[in-house]
Amino acid sequence: MRYVLTPAEAAGLDRASRERGIAADTLMEAAGREVADGALRLLGGAYGRRALVVCGRGNNGGDGLVAARYLDGADVRTTVLLLEEGFGEPARANLERLEVTTVRRRPFSPTAIGRELERADVAVDAIFGTGFRGVPKGAYAGAIEALNASGVPVAAVDIPSGVNGETGSVDGAAVRADLTVTFGAAKPGLVLLPGATYAGVVEVEPIGFPEDLIRSDLQLVEAEDVAQMVPPREPDTHKRAAGYAVVVGGSRLMTGAVGLAGAAAYRAGAGLVAVAVPEGILPVAQAGVREAVFVALPETDEGSVAGGSHRLDEVLGQADALAIGPGMTTDERTAGWIRELVRSSEIPVVLDADGLNAFAGRADDLADRKAEVILTPHAGEFARLAGIATGEIETDRVRHVRDLAARTSAIVLLKGSRTLVGTPDGAVRINPTGGPYLATGGTGDVLTGMIGGLLARGCSPFDAGSAAAYVHGLAGRLAADERGDGTTAVDVLERVPRAMREVVGG
């Protein structure tokens, strides 16, 4: 997994590297050189080309000054526009070094940037760094808007200016870069939305940081990580050894969700799946998942689950994992039974949909249980569970995942682009797959079943959520490649085995 460094962690890496004897000037020199190389790749060649470097006052601006020098050395006619004077070291030294080059230095003005962009073949955004928050104003906003309006390819230094490096939020004008060159490790603002959509191609370049100092409890999941998370089937594996998952869900008016989840548990590799539904919809459920074992549950007058049964107890006693919630309604009798089942379960539980709604405003109750639990809310379910406004979640998704995981002592998977999976001790994984093609009814039920199947196969809840989210997103993309905007949950479900094979093999 790739580490993702917050702005504070990136600043700490700078300090720790200097304590190891690596000078700040050395790091800036290497960073600027990498930015210049990236800009040259955007140019496709140096001869007869022009570059514009727009610099703010901090170290990000200093990196831009170094890049200008290297571009000049590559025979690119280069102009630097300075948004402010008063650089600190080592940026100031690099400003002085431009005096022995042919780089033109000019103070920023709307007229100057307009004229230079008309002649430029590439621009370098060195205005703000990863520590920026808020809304760009004045000359800064003007520079960003001019870069965006010009149509000139832009290489951003570390992060597109205007993007919040901590959260990926964009509260005002922000550079839309074609390429972002970042250093040592990715930053949250480059991998979380909407910041990721401003970054273009992201290149993480080594500039001399000691590798052992690049550490974070925020990580980006990659395909090879998923391959290590999912246990292989041995040659002598039988269906019980492959994992036994139980899916509990459904109601009279929502018969499909539990079937999608049950089928998805099989597609994720579980060897045996039991589906438990209200007795009134048993025939419908049986038609939807022909391979499953079925358990009929008593039902309320409205057709939702009224409670458990001796048969369900028997099945759970043999099973390896429990998924509960899809299509169960918020009937209070049903919700009360869900809370009791989750607290008493002795096998790992994935809790979704109306299973989560059963704990709305009762998040603290989830800490009182026997087995491990993974919660899989979308933003609305998360808000109801945590007792906060939905809009508040988007201001800092990573922080809210950490808070809820600690509060419930559970793994928390917050759906969305990007899906996050967090642990009670603060570790968070970012899933890079998925997209708008998953914005259709039932895809969350597919994810629930996949997690249940992977739990049954022996994955930890943290790994089950991480692996399922990655493969689910890939399956969605495969489906969308064929179906486009008409992609359905069944389309995603049908491509789960292919996605698993591409990532895990077998």
Protein backbone atom coordinates (compact mmCIF):
# COMPACT_ATOMS: atom_id res chain seq x y z
CA MET A 1 0.00 0.00 0.00
CA ARG A 2 1.15 3.51 -0.73
CA TYR A 3 1.39 5.93 2.15
CA VAL A 4 -0.63 9.14 1.86
CA LEU A 5 0.90 11.98 3.88
CA THR A 6 -1.20 14.75 5.38
CA PRO A 7 0.21 18.28 5.20
CA ALA A 8 1.32 17.98 8.82
CA GLU A 9 3.02 14.66 8.11
CA ALA A 10 4.69 16.09 5.02
CA ALA A 11 6.04 19.00 7.07
CA GLY A 12 7.23 16.52 9.69
CA LEU A 13 9.00 14.54 6.96
CA ASP A 14 10.84 17.69 5.90
CA ARG A 15 11.95 18.35 9.48
CA ALA A 16 12.99 14.76 10.13
CA SER A 17 14.95 14.67 6.88
CA ARG A 18 16.86 17.81 7.85
CA GLU A 19 17.67 16.18 11.19
CA ARG A 20 19.20 13.33 9.17
CA GLY A 21 21.49 15.85 7.49
CA ILE A 22 19.52 16.39 4.28
CA ALA A 23 19.48 20.14 3.63
CA ALA A 24 16.24 21.91 2.74
CA ASP A 25 18.01 23.39 -0.28
CA THR A 26 18.88 19.89 -1.49
CA LEU A 27 15.24 18.80 -1.27
CA MET A 28 14.04 21.96 -3.05
CA GLU A 29 16.58 21.48 -5.80
CA ALA A 30 15.44 17.91 -6.41
CA ALA A 31 11.77 18.87 -6.27
CA GLY A 32 12.18 21.69 -8.78
CA ARG A 33 14.10 19.46 -11.15
CA GLU A 34 11.30 16.87 -11.09
CA VAL A 35 8.70 19.58 -11.78
CA ALA A 36 10.75 20.86 -14.73
CA ASP A 37 11.01 17.32 -16.11
CA GLY A 38 7.24 16.97 -15.82
CA ALA A 39 6.66 20.27 -17.61
CA LEU A 40 9.00 19.18 -20.39
CA ARG A 41 6.97 16.00 -20.83
CA LEU A 42 3.86 18.12 -21.24
CA LEU A 43 5.70 20.20 -23.82
CA GLY A 44 6.76 17.15 -25.80
CA GLY A 45 10.07 18.84 -26.56
CA ALA A 46 11.96 21.98 -25.62
CA TYR A 47 13.07 23.66 -28.83
CA GLY A 48 11.39 27.00 -29.46
CA ARG A 49 8.97 26.57 -26.54
CA ARG A 50 7.92 28.99 -23.84
CA ALA A 51 7.08 28.34 -20.20
CA LEU A 52 5.41 30.45 -17.57
CA VAL A 53 6.04 29.74 -13.87
CA VAL A 54 3.63 31.40 -11.43
CA CYS A 55 5.10 31.49 -7.91
CA GLY A 56 3.68 32.16 -4.50
CA ARG A 57 5.93 33.08 -1.60
CA GLY A 58 6.43 29.79 0.28
CA ASN A 59 8.46 26.67 -0.38
CA ASN A 60 6.03 25.73 -3.14
CA GLY A 61 7.07 28.93 -4.89
CA GLY A 62 10.69 28.03 -4.23
CA ASP A 63 10.21 24.71 -6.01
CA GLY A 64 8.79 26.67 -8.93
CA LEU A 65 11.85 28.93 -9.02
CA VAL A 66 14.12 25.89 -9.26
CA ALA A 67 11.90 24.46 -12.00
CA ALA A 68 12.24 27.73 -13.93
CA ARG A 69 16.02 27.44 -13.81
CA TYR A 70 15.98 23.87 -15.13
CA LEU A 71 13.53 24.79 -17.87
CA ASP A 72 15.84 27.63 -18.87
CA GLY A 73 18.71 25.15 -18.96
CA ALA A 74 16.68 23.01 -21.34
CA ASP A 75 16.48 25.97 -23.75
CA VAL A 76 12.87 26.79 -22.94
CA ARG A 77 12.21 30.53 -22.81
CA THR A 78 10.92 30.93 -19.28
CA THR A 79 9.15 33.71 -17.45
CA VAL A 80 8.52 33.79 -13.69
CA LEU A 81 5.63 35.82 -12.30
CA LEU A 82 5.99 36.54 -8.59
CA LEU A 83 2.76 36.96 -6.69
CA GLU A 84 4.65 38.30 -3.65
CA GLU A 85 8.11 39.33 -2.64
CA GLY A 86 9.76 38.47 0.66
CA PHE A 87 10.76 34.84 0.15
CA GLY A 88 12.34 32.97 3.04
CA GLU A 89 15.22 30.52 2.71
CA PRO A 90 15.93 28.43 0.74
CA ALA A 91 13.44 29.91 -1.77
CA ARG A 92 15.14 33.33 -1.62
CA ALA A 93 18.49 31.84 -2.62
CA ASN A 94 16.86 30.23 -5.64
CA LEU A 95 15.31 33.55 -6.62
CA GLU A 96 18.79 35.09 -6.58
CA ARG A 97 20.16 32.22 -8.69
CA LEU A 98 17.82 33.22 -11.50
CA GLU A 99 19.87 36.41 -11.94
CA VAL A 100 22.57 34.47 -13.82
CA THR A 101 20.05 32.85 -16.16
CA THR A 102 17.95 34.15 -19.03
CA VAL A 103 14.76 33.63 -17.04
CA ARG A 104 12.66 36.78 -16.98
CA ARG A 105 11.32 37.77 -13.55
CA ARG A 106 8.26 39.95 -13.30
CA PRO A 107 5.79 40.94 -10.62
CA PHE A 108 2.33 39.52 -11.10
CA SER A 109 -0.42 41.59 -12.68
CA PRO A 110 -3.53 40.60 -14.62
CA THR A 111 -2.06 42.17 -17.74
CA ALA A 112 1.27 40.38 -17.34
CA ILE A 113 -0.22 36.93 -16.82
CA GLY A 114 -2.63 37.37 -19.71
CA ARG A 115 0.16 38.38 -22.08
CA GLU A 116 2.49 35.60 -20.95
CA LEU A 117 -0.17 32.90 -21.16
CA GLU A 118 -0.98 33.93 -24.74
CA ARG A 119 2.61 33.07 -25.67
CA ALA A 120 3.18 30.10 -23.33
CA ASP A 121 3.27 26.44 -24.33
CA VAL A 122 3.24 25.20 -20.72
CA ALA A 123 2.64 26.71 -17.30
CA VAL A 124 3.85 25.72 -13.85
CA ASP A 125 1.53 26.28 -10.89
CA ALA A 126 3.70 27.02 -7.85
CA ILE A 127 1.24 29.27 -6.04
CA PHE A 128 0.02 27.35 -2.98
CA GLY A 129 1.29 24.17 -1.32
CA THR A 130 -0.45 21.34 0.48
CA GLY A 131 -1.05 23.42 3.60
CA PHE A 132 -3.51 25.72 1.84
CA ARG A 133 -7.05 25.96 3.23
CA GLY A 134 -9.95 28.22 2.46
CA VAL A 135 -10.68 30.41 -0.56
CA PRO A 136 -8.01 32.08 -2.75
CA LYS A 137 -8.47 35.84 -2.91
CA GLY A 138 -7.15 38.83 -4.78
CA ALA A 139 -4.15 38.25 -7.03
CA TYR A 140 -4.04 34.57 -6.08
CA ALA A 141 -7.58 33.97 -7.28
CA GLY A 142 -6.84 35.99 -10.41
CA ALA A 143 -3.76 33.91 -11.22
CA ILE A 144 -5.66 30.64 -10.77
CA GLU A 145 -8.55 31.81 -12.93
CA ALA A 146 -6.18 32.99 -15.64
CA LEU A 147 -4.37 29.64 -15.73
CA ASN A 148 -7.66 27.78 -16.02
CA ALA A 149 -9.01 30.04 -18.75
CA SER A 150 -5.87 29.92 -20.88
CA GLY A 151 -6.05 26.38 -22.20
CA VAL A 152 -2.29 26.09 -21.62
CA PRO A 153 -1.17 22.71 -20.18
CA VAL A 154 -0.38 23.11 -16.48
CA ALA A 155 2.04 21.21 -14.26
CA ALA A 156 1.24 21.72 -10.57
CA VAL A 157 3.87 21.63 -7.85
CA ASP A 158 2.87 19.12 -5.14
CA ILE A 159 -0.89 19.92 -5.40
CA PRO A 160 -3.07 22.13 -7.61
CA SER A 161 -3.33 25.53 -5.96
CA GLY A 162 -6.67 26.04 -4.25
CA VAL A 163 -7.17 22.37 -3.32
CA ASN A 164 -7.22 21.63 0.42
CA GLY A 165 -4.30 19.26 0.92
CA GLU A 166 -5.85 17.71 4.03
CA THR A 167 -9.35 16.90 2.77
CA GLY A 168 -9.40 17.35 -1.01
CA SER A 169 -12.12 19.99 -0.69
CA VAL A 170 -12.26 22.94 -3.08
CA ASP A 171 -13.94 26.00 -1.57
CA GLY A 172 -13.09 28.55 -4.25
CA ALA A 173 -10.95 28.85 -7.38
CA ALA A 174 -8.50 25.96 -7.91
CA VAL A 175 -6.06 25.14 -10.67
CA ARG A 176 -7.12 22.36 -13.02
CA ALA A 177 -3.77 20.76 -13.70
CA ASP A 178 -2.85 18.34 -16.46
CA LEU A 179 -0.04 16.94 -14.32
CA THR A 180 0.75 17.15 -10.63
CA VAL A 181 4.26 16.32 -9.46
CA THR A 182 4.29 15.52 -5.77
CA PHE A 183 7.17 14.45 -3.58
CA GLY A 184 7.87 11.41 -1.43
CA ALA A 185 4.24 10.27 -1.15
CA ALA A 186 0.78 11.22 -2.35
CA LYS A 187 -1.27 13.72 -0.36
CA PRO A 188 -4.94 13.37 0.67
CA GLY A 189 -5.97 16.26 -1.55
CA LEU A 190 -4.65 14.35 -4.58
CA VAL A 191 -6.54 11.12 -3.95
CA LEU A 192 -9.76 12.32 -2.30
CA LEU A 193 -12.54 13.99 -4.24
CA PRO A 194 -13.02 16.58 -5.52
CA GLY A 195 -9.30 17.40 -5.30
CA ALA A 196 -8.34 14.34 -7.31
CA THR A 197 -10.32 15.63 -10.29
CA TYR A 198 -8.18 18.79 -10.34
CA ALA A 199 -4.83 17.00 -10.23
CA GLY A 200 -4.68 15.40 -13.67
CA VAL A 201 -2.00 12.73 -13.84
CA VAL A 202 -0.30 12.42 -10.45
CA GLU A 203 3.38 11.51 -10.36
CA VAL A 204 4.98 10.76 -6.99
CA GLU A 205 8.69 11.46 -7.25
CA PRO A 206 11.50 10.58 -4.79
CA ILE A 207 13.58 13.65 -3.97
CA GLY A 208 15.83 12.25 -1.26
CA PHE A 209 13.57 11.66 1.73
CA PRO A 210 14.77 8.64 3.74
CA GLU A 211 12.34 5.83 2.94
CA ASP A 212 11.99 4.77 6.56
CA LEU A 213 10.62 8.21 7.43
CA ILE A 214 7.74 8.00 4.94
CA ARG A 215 5.02 6.57 7.17
CA SER A 216 1.35 7.32 7.75
CA ASP A 217 -1.79 5.65 9.05
CA LEU A 218 -3.52 6.79 5.84
CA GLN A 219 -2.85 4.49 2.89
CA LEU A 220 -3.96 3.99 -0.71
CA VAL A 221 -4.97 0.43 -1.61
CA GLU A 222 -3.44 -1.10 -4.75
CA ALA A 223 -4.20 -4.29 -6.65
CA GLU A 224 -1.20 -6.18 -5.28
CA ASP A 225 -2.38 -5.40 -1.75
CA VAL A 226 -5.77 -6.97 -2.44
CA ALA A 227 -4.09 -10.07 -3.86
CA GLN A 228 -2.33 -10.50 -0.51
CA MET A 229 -5.51 -9.97 1.51
CA VAL A 230 -7.62 -12.72 -0.05
CA PRO A 231 -6.67 -16.28 0.99
CA PRO A 232 -6.29 -18.74 -1.90
CA ARG A 233 -8.33 -21.88 -2.25
CA GLU A 234 -6.12 -24.91 -1.71
CA PRO A 235 -6.41 -27.91 -4.08
CA ASP A 236 -8.34 -29.95 -1.51
CA THR A 237 -10.76 -27.16 -0.52
CA HIS A 238 -14.41 -28.16 -0.10
CA LYS A 239 -17.43 -25.90 0.19
CA ARG A 240 -17.43 -25.68 3.98
CA ALA A 241 -13.71 -24.97 4.07
CA ALA A 242 -14.20 -22.20 1.48
CA GLY A 243 -16.37 -20.31 3.97
CA TYR A 244 -20.00 -20.29 5.06
CA ALA A 245 -21.77 -16.91 4.94
CA VAL A 246 -25.26 -16.11 6.21
CA VAL A 247 -27.19 -13.18 4.74
CA VAL A 248 -30.23 -11.90 6.65
CA GLY A 249 -32.51 -9.38 5.00
CA GLY A 250 -35.58 -8.62 2.93
CA SER A 251 -39.16 -7.60 3.50
CA ARG A 252 -42.43 -7.73 1.59
CA LEU A 253 -41.75 -4.58 -0.44
CA MET A 254 -37.99 -5.06 -0.79
CA THR A 255 -37.34 -8.58 -1.99
CA GLY A 256 -34.34 -8.06 -4.26
CA ALA A 257 -31.63 -6.66 -2.00
CA VAL A 258 -31.05 -9.81 0.03
CA GLY A 259 -30.78 -11.88 -3.15
CA LEU A 260 -28.13 -9.56 -4.56
CA ALA A 261 -26.17 -9.82 -1.33
CA GLY A 262 -26.45 -13.60 -1.18
CA ALA A 263 -25.33 -14.04 -4.77
CA ALA A 264 -22.46 -11.60 -4.22
CA ALA A 265 -21.19 -13.65 -1.27
CA TYR A 266 -20.87 -16.59 -3.65
CA ARG A 267 -19.22 -14.46 -6.33
CA ALA A 268 -16.65 -13.32 -3.76
CA GLY A 269 -15.70 -16.95 -3.22
CA ALA A 270 -17.75 -18.21 -0.27
CA GLY A 271 -18.35 -21.94 -0.57
CA LEU A 272 -21.77 -21.96 1.05
CA VAL A 273 -24.34 -19.20 1.56
CA ALA A 274 -27.52 -19.24 3.63
CA VAL A 275 -30.19 -16.62 3.01
CA ALA A 276 -32.64 -15.84 5.82
CA VAL A 277 -35.78 -13.87 4.91
CA PRO A 278 -39.34 -13.30 6.15
CA GLU A 279 -41.37 -16.40 5.41
CA GLY A 280 -43.73 -14.51 3.10
CA ILE A 281 -41.02 -13.73 0.54
CA LEU A 282 -39.24 -17.07 0.73
CA PRO A 283 -40.37 -18.23 -2.75
CA VAL A 284 -39.13 -14.99 -4.31
CA ALA A 285 -35.77 -15.27 -2.57
CA GLN A 286 -35.39 -18.91 -3.58
CA ALA A 287 -35.91 -17.99 -7.21
CA GLY A 288 -33.26 -15.30 -7.00
CA VAL A 289 -30.39 -17.29 -5.48
CA ARG A 290 -30.73 -20.91 -6.52
CA GLU A 291 -27.48 -22.07 -4.94
CA ALA A 292 -28.25 -20.91 -1.40
CA VAL A 293 -29.57 -22.62 1.70
CA PHE A 294 -32.72 -20.84 2.92
CA VAL A 295 -34.13 -19.99 6.30
CA ALA A 296 -37.69 -18.72 6.74
CA LEU A 297 -38.12 -16.18 9.54
CA PRO A 298 -41.30 -15.09 11.32
CA GLU A 299 -42.68 -11.83 9.98
CA THR A 300 -44.65 -8.82 11.18
CA ASP A 301 -48.02 -7.87 9.73
CA GLU A 302 -46.16 -5.48 7.41
CA GLY A 303 -43.96 -8.28 6.07
CA SER A 304 -40.65 -7.49 7.77
CA VAL A 305 -38.63 -9.81 10.01
CA ALA A 306 -40.29 -10.27 13.42
CA GLY A 307 -37.47 -12.24 15.05
CA GLY A 308 -35.21 -15.23 14.83
CA SER A 309 -35.82 -18.96 14.77
CA HIS A 310 -34.28 -22.21 15.99
CA ARG A 311 -33.27 -22.98 12.40
CA LEU A 312 -31.43 -19.65 12.09
CA ASP A 313 -29.60 -20.36 15.34
CA GLU A 314 -28.49 -23.71 13.94
CA VAL A 315 -27.24 -22.16 10.73
CA LEU A 316 -25.39 -19.37 12.52
CA GLY A 317 -23.75 -21.97 14.74
CA GLN A 318 -22.19 -23.54 11.64
CA ALA A 319 -21.36 -20.34 9.75
CA ASP A 320 -18.25 -18.18 9.51
CA ALA A 321 -19.77 -14.75 8.86
CA LEU A 322 -23.06 -12.86 9.01
CA ALA A 323 -24.29 -10.05 6.74
CA ILE A 324 -27.44 -8.33 7.89
CA GLY A 325 -29.57 -5.39 6.83
CA PRO A 326 -30.45 -5.19 3.11
CA GLY A 327 -34.13 -4.47 2.58
CA MET A 328 -35.24 -5.07 6.16
CA THR A 329 -37.19 -1.78 6.79
CA THR A 330 -37.04 0.38 9.89
CA ASP A 331 -39.94 -1.33 11.66
CA GLU A 332 -39.14 -1.04 15.38
CA ARG A 333 -39.76 -4.70 16.08
CA THR A 334 -37.38 -5.63 13.28
CA ALA A 335 -34.83 -3.04 14.41
CA GLY A 336 -34.90 -4.33 17.97
CA TRP A 337 -34.23 -7.86 16.82
CA ILE A 338 -31.36 -6.67 14.59
CA ARG A 339 -29.73 -4.93 17.56
CA GLU A 340 -30.05 -8.09 19.63
CA LEU A 341 -28.63 -10.29 16.87
CA VAL A 342 -25.64 -8.02 16.24
CA ARG A 343 -24.75 -7.81 19.92
CA SER A 344 -25.04 -11.57 20.48
CA SER A 345 -23.41 -12.81 17.27
CA GLU A 346 -20.31 -14.91 17.83
CA ILE A 347 -19.19 -14.68 14.19
CA PRO A 348 -18.01 -11.54 12.33
CA VAL A 349 -20.82 -9.29 11.14
CA VAL A 350 -21.15 -6.92 8.21
CA LEU A 351 -23.90 -4.43 8.99
CA ASP A 352 -25.53 -2.46 6.18
CA ALA A 353 -28.65 -0.58 5.11
CA ASP A 354 -31.51 -1.10 7.58
CA GLY A 355 -29.12 -2.97 9.84
CA LEU A 356 -27.33 0.35 10.27
CA ASN A 357 -30.61 2.22 10.58
CA ALA A 358 -31.49 -0.01 13.52
CA PHE A 359 -28.66 1.74 15.38
CA ALA A 360 -29.54 5.28 14.22
CA GLY A 361 -28.69 7.58 17.12
CA ARG A 362 -27.43 4.54 19.04
CA ALA A 363 -23.89 4.25 17.71
CA ASP A 364 -22.48 3.74 21.19
CA ASP A 365 -24.56 0.57 21.56
CA LEU A 366 -22.48 -1.08 18.85
CA ALA A 367 -19.47 -1.24 21.17
CA ASP A 368 -21.37 -3.73 23.37
CA ARG A 369 -21.05 -6.94 21.38
CA LYS A 370 -19.16 -10.24 21.17
CA ALA A 371 -17.82 -10.39 17.61
CA GLU A 372 -16.02 -8.13 15.17
CA VAL A 373 -18.24 -5.85 13.08
CA ILE A 374 -17.77 -3.90 9.88
CA LEU A 375 -20.21 -1.04 9.30
CA THR A 376 -20.83 -0.09 5.65
CA PRO A 377 -22.81 3.17 5.53
CA HIS A 378 -23.29 5.62 2.72
CA ALA A 379 -23.23 9.26 3.80
CA GLY A 380 -26.90 9.37 4.82
CA GLU A 381 -26.69 6.21 6.90
CA PHE A 382 -23.45 7.43 8.44
CA ALA A 383 -25.10 10.70 9.45
CA ARG A 384 -28.06 8.94 11.06
CA LEU A 385 -25.80 6.53 12.88
CA ALA A 386 -23.37 9.18 14.14
CA GLY A 387 -26.03 11.79 14.84
CA ILE A 388 -24.51 14.50 12.62
CA ALA A 389 -25.57 16.38 9.49
CA THR A 390 -24.87 14.64 6.18
CA GLY A 391 -23.15 17.74 4.82
CA GLU A 392 -20.74 17.76 7.72
CA ILE A 393 -19.32 14.39 6.71
CA GLU A 394 -18.02 15.68 3.40
CA THR A 395 -15.96 18.39 5.07
CA ASP A 396 -13.50 15.79 6.35
CA ARG A 397 -14.40 12.20 5.54
CA VAL A 398 -11.22 10.72 6.96
CA ARG A 399 -11.70 12.35 10.36
CA HIS A 400 -15.33 11.27 10.60
CA VAL A 401 -14.47 7.67 9.72
CA ARG A 402 -11.83 7.64 12.44
CA ASP A 403 -14.23 9.14 14.95
CA LEU A 404 -17.02 6.63 14.29
CA ALA A 405 -14.65 3.67 14.23
CA ALA A 406 -13.24 4.66 17.61
CA ARG A 407 -16.69 5.32 19.05
CA THR A 408 -18.11 1.94 17.97
CA SER A 409 -14.91 -0.12 18.24
CA ALA A 410 -15.75 -1.34 14.74
CA ILE A 411 -14.35 -1.21 11.24
CA VAL A 412 -16.12 1.55 9.33
CA LEU A 413 -16.44 1.54 5.54
CA LEU A 414 -17.79 4.85 4.30
CA LYS A 415 -19.07 4.39 0.76
CA GLY A 416 -18.52 6.92 -1.97
CA SER A 417 -15.84 8.08 -4.32
CA ARG A 418 -13.42 7.52 -2.66
CA THR A 419 -14.58 4.75 -0.33
CA LEU A 420 -12.73 4.82 3.01
CA VAL A 421 -12.16 1.91 5.40
CA GLY A 422 -11.06 2.79 8.92
CA THR A 423 -10.14 1.00 12.15
CA PRO A 424 -10.71 2.00 15.79
CA ASP A 425 -6.99 2.76 16.20
CA GLY A 426 -7.07 5.37 13.42
CA ALA A 427 -5.72 3.52 10.39
CA VAL A 428 -7.61 4.44 7.21
CA ARG A 429 -7.38 2.93 3.75
CA ILE A 430 -8.47 4.81 0.63
CA ASN A 431 -10.01 2.78 -2.18
CA PRO A 432 -9.16 4.25 -5.61
CA THR A 433 -11.62 2.20 -7.71
CA GLY A 434 -15.28 2.92 -8.36
CA GLY A 435 -17.08 5.88 -9.81
CA PRO A 436 -20.46 7.24 -10.88
CA TYR A 437 -21.35 3.95 -12.58
CA LEU A 438 -21.98 2.52 -9.10
CA ALA A 439 -24.62 5.18 -8.40
CA THR A 440 -27.54 2.83 -8.98
CA GLY A 441 -29.84 0.88 -6.70
CA GLY A 442 -28.54 -2.41 -5.37
CA THR A 443 -24.80 -1.96 -5.84
CA GLY A 444 -24.41 -1.44 -2.09
CA ASP A 445 -26.12 -4.79 -1.49
CA VAL A 446 -23.60 -6.41 -3.83
CA LEU A 447 -20.77 -4.89 -1.79
CA THR A 448 -22.33 -6.14 1.45
CA GLY A 449 -22.50 -9.68 0.13
CA MET A 450 -18.93 -9.52 -1.12
CA ILE A 451 -17.69 -8.43 2.30
CA GLY A 452 -19.67 -11.24 3.93
CA GLY A 453 -18.17 -13.74 1.52
CA LEU A 454 -14.64 -12.55 2.19
CA LEU A 455 -15.21 -12.60 5.95
CA ALA A 456 -16.37 -16.19 5.59
CA ARG A 457 -13.21 -17.01 3.65
CA GLY A 458 -11.12 -15.87 6.61
CA CYS A 459 -10.30 -12.24 5.83
CA SER A 460 -10.17 -9.82 8.73
CA PRO A 461 -12.94 -7.20 8.64
CA PHE A 462 -10.38 -4.54 7.70
CA ASP A 463 -9.08 -6.62 4.80
CA ALA A 464 -12.54 -7.86 3.78
CA GLY A 465 -13.82 -4.29 3.48
CA SER A 466 -10.70 -3.09 1.67
CA ALA A 467 -10.57 -5.97 -0.79
CA ALA A 468 -14.31 -5.99 -1.48
CA ALA A 469 -14.40 -2.24 -2.12
CA TYR A 470 -11.50 -2.49 -4.56
CA VAL A 471 -12.93 -5.42 -6.51
CA HIS A 472 -16.47 -3.97 -6.40
CA GLY A 473 -15.24 -0.74 -7.95
CA LEU A 474 -13.35 -2.62 -10.63
CA ALA A 475 -16.42 -4.75 -11.41
CA GLY A 476 -18.43 -1.56 -11.73
CA ARG A 477 -15.98 -0.15 -14.22
CA LEU A 478 -16.03 -3.37 -16.25
CA ALA A 479 -19.82 -3.26 -16.32
CA ALA A 480 -19.90 0.42 -17.29
CA ASP A 481 -17.46 -0.21 -20.14
CA GLU A 482 -20.19 -2.36 -21.69
CA ARG A 483 -23.41 -0.85 -20.33
CA GLY A 484 -22.58 2.82 -19.86
CA ASP A 485 -25.10 4.82 -17.87
CA GLY A 486 -27.51 1.89 -17.98
CA THR A 487 -25.33 -0.20 -15.66
CA THR A 488 -27.34 -2.06 -13.00
CA ALA A 489 -26.41 -3.85 -9.81
CA VAL A 490 -26.84 -7.19 -11.59
CA ASP A 491 -24.34 -6.05 -14.24
CA VAL A 492 -21.84 -5.31 -11.48
CA LEU A 493 -22.58 -8.61 -9.73
CA GLU A 494 -21.98 -10.60 -12.91
CA ARG A 495 -18.52 -9.08 -13.34
CA VAL A 496 -17.31 -9.67 -9.80
CA PRO A 497 -15.64 -13.02 -10.68
CA ARG A 498 -13.77 -11.42 -13.58
CA ALA A 499 -12.66 -8.54 -11.38
CA MET A 500 -11.57 -10.97 -8.66
CA ARG A 501 -9.60 -12.96 -11.21
CA GLU A 502 -7.86 -9.85 -12.55
CA VAL A 503 -6.80 -8.76 -9.06
CA VAL A 504 -6.40 -11.98 -7.10
CA GLY A 505 -5.79 -14.51 -9.88
CA GLY A 506 -7.06 -18.07 -9.98
